[in-house]
Amino acid sequence: MRRADGQSTVEVIGLLPLLLAVGLGVFAFLSAGAAREAASGAAEAGAVALLQDRDARAAARGALPGWSRRRTRITVAGRRVEVAVTPSGPFGARLRATASADAGTSPSTSPLVTTSGGAR
């Protein structure tokens, strides 16, 4: 019976790296999803601002949550707004989320939003 003392402790210590890896994966997945949502909303806000003859870059930046403002690249080319948000965490650069919105060719056209996530 003495040989079994500490067996469960050794098993738990052996599982810790696996639990850590799973936790990091879940964190990265949730962080990437939040970045995608932030980029999508900001791109749409920028396109709406273009339709209203306002500053698209300022509108897109204003639509971003506070955590993502320093990790964001906003590009306005013609009537198209593209927002790239890099999530926090160890895999942030590989999970950059990009979204673009097009204000159309005339002010009477509603914005079209397309999103894509992944490495850039």
PDB file of N, CA and C in Angstrom:
ATOM      1  N   MET A   1       0.808  -1.189   0.000  1.00  0.00           N
ATOM      2  CA  MET A   1       0.000   0.000   0.000  1.00  0.00           C
ATOM      3  C   MET A   1       0.855   1.259   0.000  1.00  0.00           C
ATOM      4  N   ARG A   2       2.056   1.211   0.450  1.00  0.00           N
ATOM      5  CA  ARG A   2       2.927   2.371   0.519  1.00  0.00           C
ATOM      6  C   ARG A   2       3.348   2.842  -0.876  1.00  0.00           C
ATOM      7  N   ARG A   3       3.398   1.946  -1.839  1.00  0.00           N
ATOM      8  CA  ARG A   3       3.840   2.324  -3.174  1.00  0.00           C
ATOM      9  C   ARG A   3       2.857   3.258  -3.870  1.00  0.00           C
ATOM     10  N   ALA A   4       1.600   3.203  -3.536  1.00  0.00           N
ATOM     11  CA  ALA A   4       0.570   4.023  -4.176  1.00  0.00           C
ATOM     12  C   ALA A   4       0.524   5.440  -3.618  1.00  0.00           C
ATOM     13  N   ASP A   5       1.187   5.686  -2.481  1.00  0.00           N
ATOM     14  CA  ASP A   5       1.184   7.033  -1.922  1.00  0.00           C
ATOM     15  C   ASP A   5       1.863   7.985  -2.905  1.00  0.00           C
ATOM     16  N   GLY A   6       1.197   9.050  -3.236  1.00  0.00           N
ATOM     17  CA  GLY A   6       1.761  10.035  -4.147  1.00  0.00           C
ATOM     18  C   GLY A   6       1.516   9.749  -5.617  1.00  0.00           C
ATOM     19  N   GLN A   7       0.901   8.633  -5.931  1.00  0.00           N
ATOM     20  CA  GLN A   7       0.642   8.285  -7.331  1.00  0.00           C
ATOM     21  C   GLN A   7      -0.258   9.327  -7.994  1.00  0.00           C
ATOM     22  N   SER A   8      -1.310   9.749  -7.311  1.00  0.00           N
ATOM     23  CA  SER A   8      -2.221  10.732  -7.914  1.00  0.00           C
ATOM     24  C   SER A   8      -1.535  12.088  -8.071  1.00  0.00           C
ATOM     25  N   THR A   9      -0.632  12.428  -7.185  1.00  0.00           N
ATOM     26  CA  THR A   9       0.113  13.683  -7.310  1.00  0.00           C
ATOM     27  C   THR A   9       0.978  13.671  -8.558  1.00  0.00           C
ATOM     28  N   VAL A  10       1.633  12.576  -8.814  1.00  0.00           N
ATOM     29  CA  VAL A  10       2.464  12.446 -10.005  1.00  0.00           C
ATOM     30  C   VAL A  10       1.605  12.530 -11.269  1.00  0.00           C
ATOM     31  N   GLU A  11       0.419  11.940 -11.248  1.00  0.00           N
ATOM     32  CA  GLU A  11      -0.468  11.989 -12.405  1.00  0.00           C
ATOM     33  C   GLU A  11      -0.957  13.408 -12.668  1.00  0.00           C
ATOM     34  N   VAL A  12      -1.289  14.126 -11.607  1.00  0.00           N
ATOM     35  CA  VAL A  12      -1.747  15.513 -11.764  1.00  0.00           C
ATOM     36  C   VAL A  12      -0.622  16.385 -12.307  1.00  0.00           C
ATOM     37  N   ILE A  13       0.567  16.221 -11.793  1.00  0.00           N
ATOM     38  CA  ILE A  13       1.712  16.992 -12.283  1.00  0.00           C
ATOM     39  C   ILE A  13       1.988  16.662 -13.749  1.00  0.00           C
ATOM     40  N   GLY A  14       1.784  15.433 -14.134  1.00  0.00           N
ATOM     41  CA  GLY A  14       1.963  15.044 -15.528  1.00  0.00           C
ATOM     42  C   GLY A  14       0.931  15.663 -16.457  1.00  0.00           C
ATOM     43  N   LEU A  15      -0.275  15.927 -15.940  1.00  0.00           N
ATOM     44  CA  LEU A  15      -1.338  16.519 -16.754  1.00  0.00           C
ATOM     45  C   LEU A  15      -1.261  18.047 -16.829  1.00  0.00           C
ATOM     46  N   LEU A  16      -0.501  18.690 -15.973  1.00  0.00           N
ATOM     47  CA  LEU A  16      -0.446  20.148 -15.959  1.00  0.00           C
ATOM     48  C   LEU A  16      -0.032  20.763 -17.300  1.00  0.00           C
ATOM     49  N   PRO A  17       0.983  20.248 -17.980  1.00  0.00           N
ATOM     50  CA  PRO A  17       1.311  20.839 -19.288  1.00  0.00           C
ATOM     51  C   PRO A  17       0.160  20.735 -20.298  1.00  0.00           C
ATOM     52  N   LEU A  18      -0.550  19.633 -20.270  1.00  0.00           N
ATOM     53  CA  LEU A  18      -1.688  19.473 -21.169  1.00  0.00           C
ATOM     54  C   LEU A  18      -2.790  20.470 -20.826  1.00  0.00           C
ATOM     55  N   LEU A  19      -3.084  20.624 -19.544  1.00  0.00           N
ATOM     56  CA  LEU A  19      -4.101  21.588 -19.127  1.00  0.00           C
ATOM     57  C   LEU A  19      -3.693  23.011 -19.494  1.00  0.00           C
ATOM     58  N   LEU A  20      -2.438  23.341 -19.366  1.00  0.00           N
ATOM     59  CA  LEU A  20      -1.942  24.660 -19.741  1.00  0.00           C
ATOM     60  C   LEU A  20      -2.095  24.889 -21.244  1.00  0.00           C
ATOM     61  N   ALA A  21      -1.765  23.896 -22.048  1.00  0.00           N
ATOM     62  CA  ALA A  21      -1.895  24.019 -23.504  1.00  0.00           C
ATOM     63  C   ALA A  21      -3.355  24.201 -23.915  1.00  0.00           C
ATOM     64  N   VAL A  22      -4.244  23.449 -23.300  1.00  0.00           N
ATOM     65  CA  VAL A  22      -5.676  23.583 -23.604  1.00  0.00           C
ATOM     66  C   VAL A  22      -6.166  24.969 -23.189  1.00  0.00           C
ATOM     67  N   GLY A  23      -5.744  25.445 -22.034  1.00  0.00           N
ATOM     68  CA  GLY A  23      -6.141  26.777 -21.579  1.00  0.00           C
ATOM     69  C   GLY A  23      -5.657  27.869 -22.512  1.00  0.00           C
ATOM     70  N   LEU A  24      -4.412  27.771 -22.984  1.00  0.00           N
ATOM     71  CA  LEU A  24      -3.893  28.761 -23.933  1.00  0.00           C
ATOM     72  C   LEU A  24      -4.664  28.709 -25.253  1.00  0.00           C
ATOM     73  N   GLY A  25      -5.016  27.524 -25.694  1.00  0.00           N
ATOM     74  CA  GLY A  25      -5.785  27.389 -26.925  1.00  0.00           C
ATOM     75  C   GLY A  25      -7.163  28.018 -26.810  1.00  0.00           C
ATOM     76  N   VAL A  26      -7.830  27.806 -25.700  1.00  0.00           N
ATOM     77  CA  VAL A  26      -9.146  28.405 -25.481  1.00  0.00           C
ATOM     78  C   VAL A  26      -9.032  29.922 -25.428  1.00  0.00           C
ATOM     79  N   PHE A  27      -8.022  30.427 -24.727  1.00  0.00           N
ATOM     80  CA  PHE A  27      -7.805  31.868 -24.649  1.00  0.00           C
ATOM     81  C   PHE A  27      -7.557  32.457 -26.037  1.00  0.00           C
ATOM     82  N   ALA A  28      -6.733  31.800 -26.836  1.00  0.00           N
ATOM     83  CA  ALA A  28      -6.425  32.293 -28.182  1.00  0.00           C
ATOM     84  C   ALA A  28      -7.684  32.295 -29.049  1.00  0.00           C
ATOM     85  N   PHE A  29      -8.481  31.254 -28.954  1.00  0.00           N
ATOM     86  CA  PHE A  29      -9.717  31.156 -29.728  1.00  0.00           C
ATOM     87  C   PHE A  29     -10.688  32.279 -29.358  1.00  0.00           C
ATOM     88  N   LEU A  30     -10.886  32.506 -28.074  1.00  0.00           N
ATOM     89  CA  LEU A  30     -11.800  33.567 -27.628  1.00  0.00           C
ATOM     90  C   LEU A  30     -11.274  34.951 -27.988  1.00  0.00           C
ATOM     91  N   SER A  31      -9.973  35.143 -27.865  1.00  0.00           N
ATOM     92  CA  SER A  31      -9.361  36.423 -28.198  1.00  0.00           C
ATOM     93  C   SER A  31      -9.491  36.718 -29.691  1.00  0.00           C
ATOM     94  N   ALA A  32      -9.310  35.716 -30.525  1.00  0.00           N
ATOM     95  CA  ALA A  32      -9.454  35.902 -31.968  1.00  0.00           C
ATOM     96  C   ALA A  32     -10.898  36.229 -32.346  1.00  0.00           C
ATOM     97  N   GLY A  33     -11.840  35.605 -31.682  1.00  0.00           N
ATOM     98  CA  GLY A  33     -13.251  35.903 -31.935  1.00  0.00           C
ATOM     99  C   GLY A  33     -13.613  37.320 -31.555  1.00  0.00           C
ATOM    100  N   ALA A  34     -13.102  37.773 -30.426  1.00  0.00           N
ATOM    101  CA  ALA A  34     -13.360  39.146 -30.007  1.00  0.00           C
ATOM    102  C   ALA A  34     -12.724  40.141 -30.966  1.00  0.00           C
ATOM    103  N   ALA A  35     -11.541  39.834 -31.465  1.00  0.00           N
ATOM    104  CA  ALA A  35     -10.869  40.715 -32.422  1.00  0.00           C
ATOM    105  C   ALA A  35     -11.656  40.775 -33.734  1.00  0.00           C
ATOM    106  N   ARG A  36     -12.193  39.651 -34.153  1.00  0.00           N
ATOM    107  CA  ARG A  36     -12.984  39.631 -35.385  1.00  0.00           C
ATOM    108  C   ARG A  36     -14.250  40.466 -35.254  1.00  0.00           C
ATOM    109  N   GLU A  37     -14.914  40.355 -34.129  1.00  0.00           N
ATOM    110  CA  GLU A  37     -16.119  41.155 -33.894  1.00  0.00           C
ATOM    111  C   GLU A  37     -15.794  42.643 -33.847  1.00  0.00           C
ATOM    112  N   ALA A  38     -14.700  42.992 -33.182  1.00  0.00           N
ATOM    113  CA  ALA A  38     -14.297  44.396 -33.088  1.00  0.00           C
ATOM    114  C   ALA A  38     -13.965  44.954 -34.470  1.00  0.00           C
ATOM    115  N   ALA A  39     -13.231  44.192 -35.276  1.00  0.00           N
ATOM    116  CA  ALA A  39     -12.856  44.645 -36.616  1.00  0.00           C
ATOM    117  C   ALA A  39     -14.085  44.811 -37.504  1.00  0.00           C
ATOM    118  N   SER A  40     -15.013  43.894 -37.414  1.00  0.00           N
ATOM    119  CA  SER A  40     -16.219  43.950 -38.232  1.00  0.00           C
ATOM    120  C   SER A  40     -17.066  45.180 -37.898  1.00  0.00           C
ATOM    121  N   GLY A  41     -17.263  45.421 -36.618  1.00  0.00           N
ATOM    122  CA  GLY A  41     -18.051  46.592 -36.211  1.00  0.00           C
ATOM    123  C   GLY A  41     -17.383  47.900 -36.590  1.00  0.00           C
ATOM    124  N   ALA A  42     -16.073  47.956 -36.453  1.00  0.00           N
ATOM    125  CA  ALA A  42     -15.346  49.183 -36.791  1.00  0.00           C
ATOM    126  C   ALA A  42     -15.370  49.445 -38.298  1.00  0.00           C
ATOM    127  N   ALA A  43     -15.222  48.405 -39.092  1.00  0.00           N
ATOM    128  CA  ALA A  43     -15.261  48.577 -40.546  1.00  0.00           C
ATOM    129  C   ALA A  43     -16.629  49.067 -40.999  1.00  0.00           C
ATOM    130  N   GLU A  44     -17.671  48.505 -40.416  1.00  0.00           N
ATOM    131  CA  GLU A  44     -19.017  48.947 -40.771  1.00  0.00           C
ATOM    132  C   GLU A  44     -19.253  50.391 -40.347  1.00  0.00           C
ATOM    133  N   ALA A  45     -18.781  50.769 -39.161  1.00  0.00           N
ATOM    134  CA  ALA A  45     -18.927  52.160 -38.703  1.00  0.00           C
ATOM    135  C   ALA A  45     -18.183  53.119 -39.626  1.00  0.00           C
ATOM    136  N   GLY A  46     -17.018  52.705 -40.111  1.00  0.00           N
ATOM    137  CA  GLY A  46     -16.273  53.537 -41.048  1.00  0.00           C
ATOM    138  C   GLY A  46     -17.006  53.712 -42.367  1.00  0.00           C
ATOM    139  N   ALA A  47     -17.624  52.640 -42.870  1.00  0.00           N
ATOM    140  CA  ALA A  47     -18.371  52.723 -44.118  1.00  0.00           C
ATOM    141  C   ALA A  47     -19.605  53.609 -43.971  1.00  0.00           C
ATOM    142  N   VAL A  48     -20.271  53.508 -42.841  1.00  0.00           N
ATOM    143  CA  VAL A  48     -21.425  54.364 -42.592  1.00  0.00           C
ATOM    144  C   VAL A  48     -20.986  55.824 -42.530  1.00  0.00           C
ATOM    145  N   ALA A  49     -19.836  56.080 -41.927  1.00  0.00           N
ATOM    146  CA  ALA A  49     -19.316  57.447 -41.869  1.00  0.00           C
ATOM    147  C   ALA A  49     -19.034  57.980 -43.275  1.00  0.00           C
ATOM    148  N   LEU A  50     -18.520  57.136 -44.153  1.00  0.00           N
ATOM    149  CA  LEU A  50     -18.300  57.561 -45.541  1.00  0.00           C
ATOM    150  C   LEU A  50     -19.615  57.948 -46.210  1.00  0.00           C
ATOM    151  N   LEU A  51     -20.662  57.175 -45.941  1.00  0.00           N
ATOM    152  CA  LEU A  51     -21.969  57.482 -46.510  1.00  0.00           C
ATOM    153  C   LEU A  51     -22.513  58.815 -45.996  1.00  0.00           C
ATOM    154  N   GLN A  52     -22.105  59.184 -44.792  1.00  0.00           N
ATOM    155  CA  GLN A  52     -22.572  60.429 -44.177  1.00  0.00           C
ATOM    156  C   GLN A  52     -21.568  61.564 -44.361  1.00  0.00           C
ATOM    157  N   ASP A  53     -20.589  61.369 -45.223  1.00  0.00           N
ATOM    158  CA  ASP A  53     -19.537  62.363 -45.488  1.00  0.00           C
ATOM    159  C   ASP A  53     -18.797  62.785 -44.226  1.00  0.00           C
ATOM    160  N   ARG A  54     -18.513  61.818 -43.354  1.00  0.00           N
ATOM    161  CA  ARG A  54     -17.714  62.065 -42.148  1.00  0.00           C
ATOM    162  C   ARG A  54     -16.387  61.332 -42.275  1.00  0.00           C
ATOM    163  N   ASP A  55     -15.511  61.539 -41.307  1.00  0.00           N
ATOM    164  CA  ASP A  55     -14.192  60.904 -41.302  1.00  0.00           C
ATOM    165  C   ASP A  55     -14.331  59.419 -40.964  1.00  0.00           C
ATOM    166  N   ALA A  56     -14.050  58.571 -41.944  1.00  0.00           N
ATOM    167  CA  ALA A  56     -14.218  57.132 -41.766  1.00  0.00           C
ATOM    168  C   ALA A  56     -13.221  56.564 -40.768  1.00  0.00           C
ATOM    169  N   ARG A  57     -11.986  57.049 -40.809  1.00  0.00           N
ATOM    170  CA  ARG A  57     -10.954  56.547 -39.900  1.00  0.00           C
ATOM    171  C   ARG A  57     -11.328  56.849 -38.437  1.00  0.00           C
ATOM    172  N   ALA A  58     -11.802  58.060 -38.182  1.00  0.00           N
ATOM    173  CA  ALA A  58     -12.193  58.439 -36.819  1.00  0.00           C
ATOM    174  C   ALA A  58     -13.409  57.635 -36.358  1.00  0.00           C
ATOM    175  N   ALA A  59     -14.352  57.409 -37.252  1.00  0.00           N
ATOM    176  CA  ALA A  59     -15.546  56.633 -36.890  1.00  0.00           C
ATOM    177  C   ALA A  59     -15.189  55.187 -36.586  1.00  0.00           C
ATOM    178  N   ALA A  60     -14.305  54.619 -37.399  1.00  0.00           N
ATOM    179  CA  ALA A  60     -13.896  53.234 -37.165  1.00  0.00           C
ATOM    180  C   ALA A  60     -13.147  53.115 -35.846  1.00  0.00           C
ATOM    181  N   ARG A  61     -12.239  54.055 -35.587  1.00  0.00           N
ATOM    182  CA  ARG A  61     -11.479  54.016 -34.326  1.00  0.00           C
ATOM    183  C   ARG A  61     -12.413  54.219 -33.124  1.00  0.00           C
ATOM    184  N   GLY A  62     -13.405  55.069 -33.276  1.00  0.00           N
ATOM    185  CA  GLY A  62     -14.370  55.303 -32.197  1.00  0.00           C
ATOM    186  C   GLY A  62     -15.252  54.100 -31.912  1.00  0.00           C
ATOM    187  N   ALA A  63     -15.457  53.243 -32.902  1.00  0.00           N
ATOM    188  CA  ALA A  63     -16.304  52.057 -32.719  1.00  0.00           C
ATOM    189  C   ALA A  63     -15.555  50.902 -32.069  1.00  0.00           C
ATOM    190  N   LEU A  64     -14.242  51.018 -31.971  1.00  0.00           N
ATOM    191  CA  LEU A  64     -13.444  49.930 -31.380  1.00  0.00           C
ATOM    192  C   LEU A  64     -13.501  49.968 -29.862  1.00  0.00           C
ATOM    193  N   PRO A  65     -13.513  48.800 -29.221  1.00  0.00           N
ATOM    194  CA  PRO A  65     -13.397  48.779 -27.761  1.00  0.00           C
ATOM    195  C   PRO A  65     -11.990  49.222 -27.352  1.00  0.00           C
ATOM    196  N   GLY A  66     -11.857  49.697 -26.130  1.00  0.00           N
ATOM    197  CA  GLY A  66     -10.598  50.252 -25.657  1.00  0.00           C
ATOM    198  C   GLY A  66      -9.405  49.321 -25.765  1.00  0.00           C
ATOM    199  N   TRP A  67      -9.584  48.034 -25.527  1.00  0.00           N
ATOM    200  CA  TRP A  67      -8.450  47.101 -25.534  1.00  0.00           C
ATOM    201  C   TRP A  67      -7.839  46.943 -26.916  1.00  0.00           C
ATOM    202  N   SER A  68      -8.599  47.205 -27.962  1.00  0.00           N
ATOM    203  CA  SER A  68      -8.099  46.915 -29.301  1.00  0.00           C
ATOM    204  C   SER A  68      -7.537  48.126 -30.038  1.00  0.00           C
ATOM    205  N   ARG A  69      -7.689  49.308 -29.506  1.00  0.00           N
ATOM    206  CA  ARG A  69      -7.290  50.510 -30.246  1.00  0.00           C
ATOM    207  C   ARG A  69      -5.805  50.564 -30.551  1.00  0.00           C
ATOM    208  N   ARG A  70      -4.970  50.088 -29.655  1.00  0.00           N
ATOM    209  CA  ARG A  70      -3.522  50.126 -29.908  1.00  0.00           C
ATOM    210  C   ARG A  70      -3.076  49.013 -30.846  1.00  0.00           C
ATOM    211  N   ARG A  71      -3.919  48.019 -31.049  1.00  0.00           N
ATOM    212  CA  ARG A  71      -3.551  46.860 -31.875  1.00  0.00           C
ATOM    213  C   ARG A  71      -4.291  46.860 -33.206  1.00  0.00           C
ATOM    214  N   THR A  72      -4.625  48.041 -33.704  1.00  0.00           N
ATOM    215  CA  THR A  72      -5.487  48.140 -34.877  1.00  0.00           C
ATOM    216  C   THR A  72      -4.819  48.918 -36.003  1.00  0.00           C
ATOM    217  N   ARG A  73      -5.052  48.454 -37.222  1.00  0.00           N
ATOM    218  CA  ARG A  73      -4.630  49.178 -38.420  1.00  0.00           C
ATOM    219  C   ARG A  73      -5.886  49.446 -39.235  1.00  0.00           C
ATOM    220  N   ILE A  74      -6.129  50.721 -39.547  1.00  0.00           N
ATOM    221  CA  ILE A  74      -7.313  51.124 -40.305  1.00  0.00           C
ATOM    222  C   ILE A  74      -6.847  51.714 -41.632  1.00  0.00           C
ATOM    223  N   THR A  75      -7.393  51.207 -42.727  1.00  0.00           N
ATOM    224  CA  THR A  75      -7.051  51.682 -44.056  1.00  0.00           C
ATOM    225  C   THR A  75      -8.325  52.128 -44.755  1.00  0.00           C
ATOM    226  N   VAL A  76      -8.307  53.336 -45.289  1.00  0.00           N
ATOM    227  CA  VAL A  76      -9.431  53.844 -46.069  1.00  0.00           C
ATOM    228  C   VAL A  76      -8.924  54.083 -47.485  1.00  0.00           C
ATOM    229  N   ALA A  77      -9.496  53.384 -48.434  1.00  0.00           N
ATOM    230  CA  ALA A  77      -9.120  53.526 -49.834  1.00  0.00           C
ATOM    231  C   ALA A  77     -10.389  53.744 -50.648  1.00  0.00           C
ATOM    232  N   GLY A  78     -10.583  54.957 -51.086  1.00  0.00           N
ATOM    233  CA  GLY A  78     -11.805  55.274 -51.821  1.00  0.00           C
ATOM    234  C   GLY A  78     -13.004  55.179 -50.898  1.00  0.00           C
ATOM    235  N   ARG A  79     -13.939  54.299 -51.250  1.00  0.00           N
ATOM    236  CA  ARG A  79     -15.137  54.108 -50.422  1.00  0.00           C
ATOM    237  C   ARG A  79     -15.084  52.783 -49.674  1.00  0.00           C
ATOM    238  N   ARG A  80     -13.881  52.255 -49.503  1.00  0.00           N
ATOM    239  CA  ARG A  80     -13.696  50.975 -48.800  1.00  0.00           C
ATOM    240  C   ARG A  80     -12.879  51.196 -47.532  1.00  0.00           C
ATOM    241  N   VAL A  81     -13.333  50.611 -46.441  1.00  0.00           N
ATOM    242  CA  VAL A  81     -12.657  50.704 -45.147  1.00  0.00           C
ATOM    243  C   VAL A  81     -12.217  49.302 -44.751  1.00  0.00           C
ATOM    244  N   GLU A  82     -10.951  49.152 -44.412  1.00  0.00           N
ATOM    245  CA  GLU A  82     -10.439  47.865 -43.954  1.00  0.00           C
ATOM    246  C   GLU A  82      -9.839  48.050 -42.567  1.00  0.00           C
ATOM    247  N   VAL A  83     -10.217  47.176 -41.663  1.00  0.00           N
ATOM    248  CA  VAL A  83      -9.744  47.227 -40.280  1.00  0.00           C
ATOM    249  C   VAL A  83      -9.102  45.890 -39.942  1.00  0.00           C
ATOM    250  N   ALA A  84      -7.884  45.936 -39.418  1.00  0.00           N
ATOM    251  CA  ALA A  84      -7.179  44.735 -38.973  1.00  0.00           C
ATOM    252  C   ALA A  84      -6.902  44.876 -37.484  1.00  0.00           C
ATOM    253  N   VAL A  85      -7.357  43.929 -36.696  1.00  0.00           N
ATOM    254  CA  VAL A  85      -7.166  43.940 -35.245  1.00  0.00           C
ATOM    255  C   VAL A  85      -6.351  42.710 -34.860  1.00  0.00           C
ATOM    256  N   THR A  86      -5.293  42.937 -34.115  1.00  0.00           N
ATOM    257  CA  THR A  86      -4.455  41.854 -33.620  1.00  0.00           C
ATOM    258  C   THR A  86      -4.868  41.533 -32.193  1.00  0.00           C
ATOM    259  N   PRO A  87      -5.314  40.315 -31.925  1.00  0.00           N
ATOM    260  CA  PRO A  87      -5.724  39.970 -30.564  1.00  0.00           C
ATOM    261  C   PRO A  87      -4.521  39.850 -29.630  1.00  0.00           C
ATOM    262  N   SER A  88      -4.791  39.934 -28.354  1.00  0.00           N
ATOM    263  CA  SER A  88      -3.723  39.767 -27.371  1.00  0.00           C
ATOM    264  C   SER A  88      -3.414  38.290 -27.203  1.00  0.00           C
ATOM    265  N   GLY A  89      -2.324  38.005 -26.552  1.00  0.00           N
ATOM    266  CA  GLY A  89      -1.958  36.628 -26.285  1.00  0.00           C
ATOM    267  C   GLY A  89      -0.750  36.197 -27.083  1.00  0.00           C
ATOM    268  N   PRO A  90      -0.275  34.996 -26.806  1.00  0.00           N
ATOM    269  CA  PRO A  90       0.948  34.521 -27.437  1.00  0.00           C
ATOM    270  C   PRO A  90       0.818  34.257 -28.939  1.00  0.00           C
ATOM    271  N   PHE A  91      -0.381  34.058 -29.443  1.00  0.00           N
ATOM    272  CA  PHE A  91      -0.582  33.777 -30.861  1.00  0.00           C
ATOM    273  C   PHE A  91      -1.235  34.940 -31.595  1.00  0.00           C
ATOM    274  N   GLY A  92      -1.224  36.118 -30.993  1.00  0.00           N
ATOM    275  CA  GLY A  92      -1.930  37.267 -31.537  1.00  0.00           C
ATOM    276  C   GLY A  92      -1.586  37.603 -32.970  1.00  0.00           C
ATOM    277  N   ALA A  93      -0.305  37.665 -33.301  1.00  0.00           N
ATOM    278  CA  ALA A  93       0.098  38.043 -34.656  1.00  0.00           C
ATOM    279  C   ALA A  93      -0.380  37.027 -35.691  1.00  0.00           C
ATOM    280  N   ARG A  94      -0.464  35.775 -35.319  1.00  0.00           N
ATOM    281  CA  ARG A  94      -0.920  34.751 -36.262  1.00  0.00           C
ATOM    282  C   ARG A  94      -2.440  34.716 -36.397  1.00  0.00           C
ATOM    283  N   LEU A  95      -3.152  35.298 -35.449  1.00  0.00           N
ATOM    284  CA  LEU A  95      -4.614  35.254 -35.459  1.00  0.00           C
ATOM    285  C   LEU A  95      -5.237  36.603 -35.769  1.00  0.00           C
ATOM    286  N   ARG A  96      -4.521  37.457 -36.471  1.00  0.00           N
ATOM    287  CA  ARG A  96      -5.020  38.800 -36.791  1.00  0.00           C
ATOM    288  C   ARG A  96      -6.333  38.688 -37.549  1.00  0.00           C
ATOM    289  N   ALA A  97      -7.302  39.477 -37.133  1.00  0.00           N
ATOM    290  CA  ALA A  97      -8.616  39.473 -37.779  1.00  0.00           C
ATOM    291  C   ALA A  97      -8.735  40.704 -38.652  1.00  0.00           C
ATOM    292  N   THR A  98      -9.208  40.523 -39.860  1.00  0.00           N
ATOM    293  CA  THR A  98      -9.424  41.649 -40.757  1.00  0.00           C
ATOM    294  C   THR A  98     -10.879  41.671 -41.186  1.00  0.00           C
ATOM    295  N   ALA A  99     -11.398  42.870 -41.343  1.00  0.00           N
ATOM    296  CA  ALA A  99     -12.758  43.051 -41.835  1.00  0.00           C
ATOM    297  C   ALA A  99     -12.746  44.257 -42.747  1.00  0.00           C
ATOM    298  N   SER A 100     -13.576  44.215 -43.761  1.00  0.00           N
ATOM    299  CA  SER A 100     -13.677  45.353 -44.657  1.00  0.00           C
ATOM    300  C   SER A 100     -15.140  45.649 -44.918  1.00  0.00           C
ATOM    301  N   ALA A 101     -15.406  46.910 -45.168  1.00  0.00           N
ATOM    302  CA  ALA A 101     -16.757  47.343 -45.502  1.00  0.00           C
ATOM    303  C   ALA A 101     -16.659  48.310 -46.663  1.00  0.00           C
ATOM    304  N   ASP A 102     -17.576  48.186 -47.574  1.00  0.00           N
ATOM    305  CA  ASP A 102     -17.595  49.016 -48.766  1.00  0.00           C
ATOM    306  C   ASP A 102     -18.826  49.911 -48.713  1.00  0.00           C
ATOM    307  N   ALA A 103     -18.616  51.216 -48.852  1.00  0.00           N
ATOM    308  CA  ALA A 103     -19.734  52.153 -48.807  1.00  0.00           C
ATOM    309  C   ALA A 103     -20.472  52.210 -50.133  1.00  0.00           C
ATOM    310  N   GLY A 104     -20.060  51.443 -51.097  1.00  0.00           N
ATOM    311  CA  GLY A 104     -20.743  51.406 -52.381  1.00  0.00           C
ATOM    312  C   GLY A 104     -20.267  52.513 -53.302  1.00  0.00           C
ATOM    313  N   THR A 105     -20.915  52.607 -54.454  1.00  0.00           N
ATOM    314  CA  THR A 105     -20.506  53.603 -55.440  1.00  0.00           C
ATOM    315  C   THR A 105     -21.251  54.909 -55.314  1.00  0.00           C
ATOM    316  N   SER A 106     -22.381  54.886 -54.615  1.00  0.00           N
ATOM    317  CA  SER A 106     -23.143  56.122 -54.431  1.00  0.00           C
ATOM    318  C   SER A 106     -23.620  56.204 -52.988  1.00  0.00           C
ATOM    319  N   PRO A 107     -23.904  57.399 -52.496  1.00  0.00           N
ATOM    320  CA  PRO A 107     -24.356  57.529 -51.107  1.00  0.00           C
ATOM    321  C   PRO A 107     -25.660  56.814 -50.804  1.00  0.00           C
ATOM    322  N   SER A 108     -26.443  56.435 -51.806  1.00  0.00           N
ATOM    323  CA  SER A 108     -27.712  55.750 -51.542  1.00  0.00           C
ATOM    324  C   SER A 108     -27.548  54.253 -51.339  1.00  0.00           C
ATOM    325  N   THR A 109     -26.328  53.748 -51.514  1.00  0.00           N
ATOM    326  CA  THR A 109     -26.067  52.322 -51.355  1.00  0.00           C
ATOM    327  C   THR A 109     -25.720  52.012 -49.911  1.00  0.00           C
ATOM    328  N   SER A 110     -26.301  50.955 -49.353  1.00  0.00           N
ATOM    329  CA  SER A 110     -25.963  50.579 -47.982  1.00  0.00           C
ATOM    330  C   SER A 110     -24.616  49.860 -47.958  1.00  0.00           C
ATOM    331  N   PRO A 111     -23.904  49.899 -46.810  1.00  0.00           N
ATOM    332  CA  PRO A 111     -22.574  49.275 -46.752  1.00  0.00           C
ATOM    333  C   PRO A 111     -22.652  47.748 -46.799  1.00  0.00           C
ATOM    334  N   LEU A 112     -21.680  47.164 -47.457  1.00  0.00           N
ATOM    335  CA  LEU A 112     -21.529  45.718 -47.497  1.00  0.00           C
ATOM    336  C   LEU A 112     -20.370  45.363 -46.606  1.00  0.00           C
ATOM    337  N   VAL A 113     -20.554  44.396 -45.725  1.00  0.00           N
ATOM    338  CA  VAL A 113     -19.498  44.033 -44.786  1.00  0.00           C
ATOM    339  C   VAL A 113     -19.066  42.604 -45.051  1.00  0.00           C
ATOM    340  N   THR A 114     -17.766  42.422 -45.225  1.00  0.00           N
ATOM    341  CA  THR A 114     -17.209  41.073 -45.324  1.00  0.00           C
ATOM    342  C   THR A 114     -16.106  40.956 -44.298  1.00  0.00           C
ATOM    343  N   THR A 115     -16.036  39.809 -43.673  1.00  0.00           N
ATOM    344  CA  THR A 115     -14.999  39.622 -42.671  1.00  0.00           C
ATOM    345  C   THR A 115     -14.196  38.387 -42.999  1.00  0.00           C
ATOM    346  N   SER A 116     -12.945  38.436 -42.602  1.00  0.00           N
ATOM    347  CA  SER A 116     -12.110  37.256 -42.733  1.00  0.00           C
ATOM    348  C   SER A 116     -11.104  37.292 -41.604  1.00  0.00           C
ATOM    349  N   GLY A 117     -10.771  36.152 -41.091  1.00  0.00           N
ATOM    350  CA  GLY A 117      -9.799  36.081 -40.018  1.00  0.00           C
ATOM    351  C   GLY A 117      -8.661  35.176 -40.425  1.00  0.00           C
ATOM    352  N   GLY A 118      -7.582  35.285 -39.735  1.00  0.00           N
ATOM    353  CA  GLY A 118      -6.461  34.402 -40.012  1.00  0.00           C
ATOM    354  C   GLY A 118      -5.166  35.153 -40.124  1.00  0.00           C
ATOM    355  N   ALA A 119      -4.149  34.433 -40.505  1.00  0.00           N
ATOM    356  CA  ALA A 119      -2.813  35.024 -40.587  1.00  0.00           C
ATOM    357  C   ALA A 119      -2.740  36.003 -41.736  1.00  0.00           C
ATOM    358  N   ARG A 120      -1.949  36.998 -41.554  1.00  0.00           N
ATOM    359  CA  ARG A 120      -1.734  38.012 -42.578  1.00  0.00           C
ATOM    360  C   ARG A 120      -0.310  38.122 -42.882  1.00  0.00           C
TER     361      ARG A 120
END
